[in-house]
Amino acid sequence: MKKRMKWIFGGTAGALVAGALLINPPLTNPPVQPGHDLTATNPPPAEIVKILHGACYDCHSDETKWPWYSHVAPVSWWLVEHVNDGRKHLDFSKWPHDDPHRAGRNWGRISDSVSSGDMPFPNYDLMHPAAKLTDAQRDQLANWAEQEADRLRAIAAAQDSE
């Protein structure tokens, strides 16, 4: 009887685990609204856009390229949450073109996060080779982002003084 109960319990647990592996959250990419993406108006230089697309857009835009392992639970659960969180903090598909205060703050944060090595996440480039930034690329992006933040802050200050 005990042996039979172990088999029933083991079979039930195995079926639950197998069932959980089949439950995946939707891998969504909301449509990018024309004119809202970072590159829609006054885009950064091509080199910067290339770096952003390679290292940032998968988590920080509505243009996520969902890799094969994003279809495998429980990784899919973590990955969808990670992308949703990334979009919540910074979304290049919803760039504040008409708000120099906010755009300047975004570029300042990008500069800080990239120069400190916080972004892209250090382990992200293991599965995403395009996200692996050289020191030169990291400096280029951080410096350009800081210059753009300064430019936008000056525009915002001029608007405030009017």
C-alpha atoms as a PDB file:
ATOM      1  CA  MET A   1       0.000   0.000   0.000  1.00  0.00           C
ATOM      2  CA  LYS A   2       2.820   2.440   0.874  1.00  0.00           C
ATOM      3  CA  LYS A   3       4.573   1.693  -2.400  1.00  0.00           C
ATOM      4  CA  ARG A   4       1.378   2.381  -4.318  1.00  0.00           C
ATOM      5  CA  MET A   5       0.860   5.710  -2.490  1.00  0.00           C
ATOM      6  CA  LYS A   6       4.417   6.746  -3.352  1.00  0.00           C
ATOM      7  CA  TRP A   7       3.749   6.016  -7.030  1.00  0.00           C
ATOM      8  CA  ILE A   8       0.462   7.928  -6.961  1.00  0.00           C
ATOM      9  CA  PHE A   9       2.068  10.879  -5.176  1.00  0.00           C
ATOM     10  CA  GLY A  10       5.107  10.822  -7.482  1.00  0.00           C
ATOM     11  CA  GLY A  11       2.934  10.572 -10.589  1.00  0.00           C
ATOM     12  CA  THR A  12       0.712  13.416  -9.453  1.00  0.00           C
ATOM     13  CA  ALA A  13       3.696  15.626  -8.633  1.00  0.00           C
ATOM     14  CA  GLY A  14       5.288  14.802 -11.992  1.00  0.00           C
ATOM     15  CA  ALA A  15       2.070  15.609 -13.845  1.00  0.00           C
ATOM     16  CA  LEU A  16       1.786  18.951 -12.027  1.00  0.00           C
ATOM     17  CA  VAL A  17       5.388  19.863 -12.887  1.00  0.00           C
ATOM     18  CA  ALA A  18       4.891  18.832 -16.522  1.00  0.00           C
ATOM     19  CA  GLY A  19       1.668  20.835 -16.675  1.00  0.00           C
ATOM     20  CA  ALA A  20       3.369  23.916 -15.217  1.00  0.00           C
ATOM     21  CA  LEU A  21       6.029  23.693 -17.925  1.00  0.00           C
ATOM     22  CA  LEU A  22       3.307  24.071 -20.536  1.00  0.00           C
ATOM     23  CA  ILE A  23       1.853  27.236 -19.004  1.00  0.00           C
ATOM     24  CA  ASN A  24       3.562  30.254 -20.495  1.00  0.00           C
ATOM     25  CA  PRO A  25       2.610  33.903 -20.225  1.00  0.00           C
ATOM     26  CA  PRO A  26       1.959  35.717 -23.489  1.00  0.00           C
ATOM     27  CA  LEU A  27       5.111  37.067 -25.138  1.00  0.00           C
ATOM     28  CA  THR A  28       3.772  40.404 -26.290  1.00  0.00           C
ATOM     29  CA  ASN A  29       5.148  43.271 -28.275  1.00  0.00           C
ATOM     30  CA  PRO A  30       2.630  46.089 -28.268  1.00  0.00           C
ATOM     31  CA  PRO A  31       2.503  47.885 -31.605  1.00  0.00           C
ATOM     32  CA  VAL A  32       5.015  50.711 -31.869  1.00  0.00           C
ATOM     33  CA  GLN A  33       3.066  53.886 -32.448  1.00  0.00           C
ATOM     34  CA  PRO A  34       4.361  55.954 -35.389  1.00  0.00           C
ATOM     35  CA  GLY A  35       6.325  58.939 -34.172  1.00  0.00           C
ATOM     36  CA  HIS A  36       6.785  57.644 -30.629  1.00  0.00           C
ATOM     37  CA  ASP A  37       9.950  55.541 -30.941  1.00  0.00           C
ATOM     38  CA  LEU A  38      13.239  57.142 -29.941  1.00  0.00           C
ATOM     39  CA  THR A  39      14.400  57.115 -33.553  1.00  0.00           C
ATOM     40  CA  ALA A  40      11.220  58.757 -34.908  1.00  0.00           C
ATOM     41  CA  THR A  41      12.335  62.361 -34.570  1.00  0.00           C
ATOM     42  CA  ASN A  42      15.813  63.737 -34.019  1.00  0.00           C
ATOM     43  CA  PRO A  43      17.358  60.274 -33.768  1.00  0.00           C
ATOM     44  CA  PRO A  44      20.727  59.700 -32.127  1.00  0.00           C
ATOM     45  CA  PRO A  45      23.753  59.093 -34.371  1.00  0.00           C
ATOM     46  CA  ALA A  46      23.702  55.763 -36.223  1.00  0.00           C
ATOM     47  CA  GLU A  47      26.466  54.302 -34.006  1.00  0.00           C
ATOM     48  CA  ILE A  48      24.419  55.063 -30.873  1.00  0.00           C
ATOM     49  CA  VAL A  49      21.238  53.617 -32.411  1.00  0.00           C
ATOM     50  CA  LYS A  50      23.152  50.429 -33.269  1.00  0.00           C
ATOM     51  CA  ILE A  51      24.393  50.103 -29.675  1.00  0.00           C
ATOM     52  CA  LEU A  52      20.917  50.762 -28.264  1.00  0.00           C
ATOM     53  CA  HIS A  53      19.287  48.188 -30.563  1.00  0.00           C
ATOM     54  CA  GLY A  54      21.911  45.574 -29.730  1.00  0.00           C
ATOM     55  CA  ALA A  55      22.134  46.110 -25.983  1.00  0.00           C
ATOM     56  CA  CYS A  56      18.897  47.757 -24.833  1.00  0.00           C
ATOM     57  CA  TYR A  57      15.874  47.328 -27.098  1.00  0.00           C
ATOM     58  CA  ASP A  58      15.053  43.719 -26.157  1.00  0.00           C
ATOM     59  CA  CYS A  59      14.133  44.773 -22.615  1.00  0.00           C
ATOM     60  CA  HIS A  60      13.433  48.473 -23.074  1.00  0.00           C
ATOM     61  CA  SER A  61      11.156  48.687 -26.122  1.00  0.00           C
ATOM     62  CA  ASP A  62       8.123  47.149 -27.740  1.00  0.00           C
ATOM     63  CA  GLU A  63      10.455  45.481 -30.262  1.00  0.00           C
ATOM     64  CA  THR A  64      11.575  42.592 -28.054  1.00  0.00           C
ATOM     65  CA  LYS A  65      13.070  39.655 -29.921  1.00  0.00           C
ATOM     66  CA  TRP A  66      11.826  36.705 -27.866  1.00  0.00           C
ATOM     67  CA  PRO A  67      14.508  33.970 -27.878  1.00  0.00           C
ATOM     68  CA  TRP A  68      13.682  30.252 -28.049  1.00  0.00           C
ATOM     69  CA  TYR A  69      14.060  29.797 -24.293  1.00  0.00           C
ATOM     70  CA  SER A  70      11.365  32.424 -23.651  1.00  0.00           C
ATOM     71  CA  HIS A  71       8.876  29.684 -24.606  1.00  0.00           C
ATOM     72  CA  VAL A  72      10.032  27.356 -21.815  1.00  0.00           C
ATOM     73  CA  ALA A  73       8.546  27.672 -18.339  1.00  0.00           C
ATOM     74  CA  PRO A  74       9.610  28.663 -15.743  1.00  0.00           C
ATOM     75  CA  VAL A  75      12.179  30.777 -17.646  1.00  0.00           C
ATOM     76  CA  SER A  76       9.332  32.334 -19.631  1.00  0.00           C
ATOM     77  CA  TRP A  77       7.696  33.590 -16.436  1.00  0.00           C
ATOM     78  CA  TRP A  78      10.883  35.297 -15.288  1.00  0.00           C
ATOM     79  CA  LEU A  79      11.692  36.703 -18.734  1.00  0.00           C
ATOM     80  CA  VAL A  80       8.256  38.229 -19.321  1.00  0.00           C
ATOM     81  CA  GLU A  81       8.374  39.852 -15.881  1.00  0.00           C
ATOM     82  CA  HIS A  82      11.902  41.122 -16.597  1.00  0.00           C
ATOM     83  CA  VAL A  83      10.885  42.688 -19.937  1.00  0.00           C
ATOM     84  CA  ASN A  84       7.724  44.225 -18.453  1.00  0.00           C
ATOM     85  CA  ASP A  85       9.807  45.729 -15.640  1.00  0.00           C
ATOM     86  CA  GLY A  86      12.398  47.017 -18.123  1.00  0.00           C
ATOM     87  CA  ARG A  87       9.700  48.663 -20.240  1.00  0.00           C
ATOM     88  CA  LYS A  88       8.157  50.212 -17.134  1.00  0.00           C
ATOM     89  CA  HIS A  89      11.456  51.873 -16.180  1.00  0.00           C
ATOM     90  CA  LEU A  90      12.490  52.938 -19.694  1.00  0.00           C
ATOM     91  CA  ASP A  91      10.705  52.346 -22.983  1.00  0.00           C
ATOM     92  CA  PHE A  92      12.366  53.553 -26.170  1.00  0.00           C
ATOM     93  CA  SER A  93       9.073  52.865 -27.996  1.00  0.00           C
ATOM     94  CA  LYS A  94       7.363  55.535 -25.912  1.00  0.00           C
ATOM     95  CA  TRP A  95      10.068  58.187 -25.960  1.00  0.00           C
ATOM     96  CA  PRO A  96       9.014  61.581 -24.511  1.00  0.00           C
ATOM     97  CA  HIS A  97       9.894  63.653 -27.599  1.00  0.00           C
ATOM     98  CA  ASP A  98       7.749  66.553 -26.421  1.00  0.00           C
ATOM     99  CA  ASP A  99       9.064  66.581 -22.833  1.00  0.00           C
ATOM    100  CA  PRO A 100      12.715  67.684 -22.631  1.00  0.00           C
ATOM    101  CA  HIS A 101      12.655  67.411 -18.814  1.00  0.00           C
ATOM    102  CA  ARG A 102      11.770  63.731 -18.931  1.00  0.00           C
ATOM    103  CA  ALA A 103      13.915  62.910 -21.971  1.00  0.00           C
ATOM    104  CA  GLY A 104      16.890  64.630 -20.314  1.00  0.00           C
ATOM    105  CA  ARG A 105      16.358  62.627 -17.116  1.00  0.00           C
ATOM    106  CA  ASN A 106      16.153  59.427 -19.170  1.00  0.00           C
ATOM    107  CA  TRP A 107      19.443  60.149 -20.947  1.00  0.00           C
ATOM    108  CA  GLY A 108      21.095  61.055 -17.647  1.00  0.00           C
ATOM    109  CA  ARG A 109      19.992  57.746 -16.119  1.00  0.00           C
ATOM    110  CA  ILE A 110      21.124  55.857 -19.201  1.00  0.00           C
ATOM    111  CA  SER A 111      24.539  57.502 -18.971  1.00  0.00           C
ATOM    112  CA  ASP A 112      24.851  56.653 -15.283  1.00  0.00           C
ATOM    113  CA  SER A 113      23.660  53.046 -15.714  1.00  0.00           C
ATOM    114  CA  VAL A 114      25.912  52.333 -18.685  1.00  0.00           C
ATOM    115  CA  SER A 115      29.031  53.986 -17.302  1.00  0.00           C
ATOM    116  CA  SER A 116      28.647  52.210 -13.947  1.00  0.00           C
ATOM    117  CA  GLY A 117      28.242  48.830 -15.666  1.00  0.00           C
ATOM    118  CA  ASP A 118      24.755  48.304 -14.222  1.00  0.00           C
ATOM    119  CA  MET A 119      23.326  48.122 -17.752  1.00  0.00           C
ATOM    120  CA  PRO A 120      23.119  46.015 -19.677  1.00  0.00           C
ATOM    121  CA  PHE A 121      22.949  43.457 -16.886  1.00  0.00           C
ATOM    122  CA  PRO A 122      26.322  41.727 -16.617  1.00  0.00           C
ATOM    123  CA  ASN A 123      24.877  38.247 -17.295  1.00  0.00           C
ATOM    124  CA  TYR A 124      22.616  39.410 -20.151  1.00  0.00           C
ATOM    125  CA  ASP A 125      25.380  39.246 -22.734  1.00  0.00           C
ATOM    126  CA  LEU A 126      25.917  35.516 -22.112  1.00  0.00           C
ATOM    127  CA  MET A 127      22.884  34.730 -24.270  1.00  0.00           C
ATOM    128  CA  HIS A 128      22.909  38.003 -26.235  1.00  0.00           C
ATOM    129  CA  PRO A 129      26.343  38.604 -27.768  1.00  0.00           C
ATOM    130  CA  ALA A 130      25.189  41.835 -29.448  1.00  0.00           C
ATOM    131  CA  ALA A 131      24.619  43.280 -25.981  1.00  0.00           C
ATOM    132  CA  LYS A 132      28.237  42.808 -24.939  1.00  0.00           C
ATOM    133  CA  LEU A 133      29.627  46.318 -25.004  1.00  0.00           C
ATOM    134  CA  THR A 134      33.297  47.008 -25.381  1.00  0.00           C
ATOM    135  CA  ASP A 135      34.778  49.645 -23.104  1.00  0.00           C
ATOM    136  CA  ALA A 136      34.862  52.002 -26.095  1.00  0.00           C
ATOM    137  CA  GLN A 137      31.161  51.403 -26.875  1.00  0.00           C
ATOM    138  CA  ARG A 138      30.237  51.813 -23.222  1.00  0.00           C
ATOM    139  CA  ASP A 139      32.132  55.126 -23.067  1.00  0.00           C
ATOM    140  CA  GLN A 140      30.680  56.273 -26.383  1.00  0.00           C
ATOM    141  CA  LEU A 141      27.090  55.589 -25.306  1.00  0.00           C
ATOM    142  CA  ALA A 142      27.509  57.015 -21.799  1.00  0.00           C
ATOM    143  CA  ASN A 143      29.240  60.172 -23.036  1.00  0.00           C
ATOM    144  CA  TRP A 144      26.746  60.779 -25.826  1.00  0.00           C
ATOM    145  CA  ALA A 145      23.818  60.182 -23.456  1.00  0.00           C
ATOM    146  CA  GLU A 146      25.236  62.673 -20.942  1.00  0.00           C
ATOM    147  CA  GLN A 147      25.748  65.285 -23.679  1.00  0.00           C
ATOM    148  CA  GLU A 148      22.187  64.742 -24.874  1.00  0.00           C
ATOM    149  CA  ALA A 149      20.913  65.019 -21.293  1.00  0.00           C
ATOM    150  CA  ASP A 150      22.754  68.342 -20.909  1.00  0.00           C
ATOM    151  CA  ARG A 151      21.340  69.613 -24.215  1.00  0.00           C
ATOM    152  CA  LEU A 152      17.785  68.680 -23.231  1.00  0.00           C
ATOM    153  CA  ARG A 153      18.186  70.158 -19.748  1.00  0.00           C
ATOM    154  CA  ALA A 154      19.191  73.472 -21.355  1.00  0.00           C
ATOM    155  CA  ILE A 155      16.102  73.365 -23.591  1.00  0.00           C
ATOM    156  CA  ALA A 156      13.895  72.575 -20.591  1.00  0.00           C
ATOM    157  CA  ALA A 157      15.450  75.425 -18.565  1.00  0.00           C
ATOM    158  CA  ALA A 158      14.843  77.853 -21.455  1.00  0.00           C
ATOM    159  CA  GLN A 159      11.221  76.723 -21.687  1.00  0.00           C
ATOM    160  CA  ASP A 160      10.775  77.156 -17.944  1.00  0.00           C
ATOM    161  CA  SER A 161      12.125  80.706 -18.034  1.00  0.00           C
ATOM    162  CA  GLU A 162       9.723  81.805 -20.769  1.00  0.00           C
END
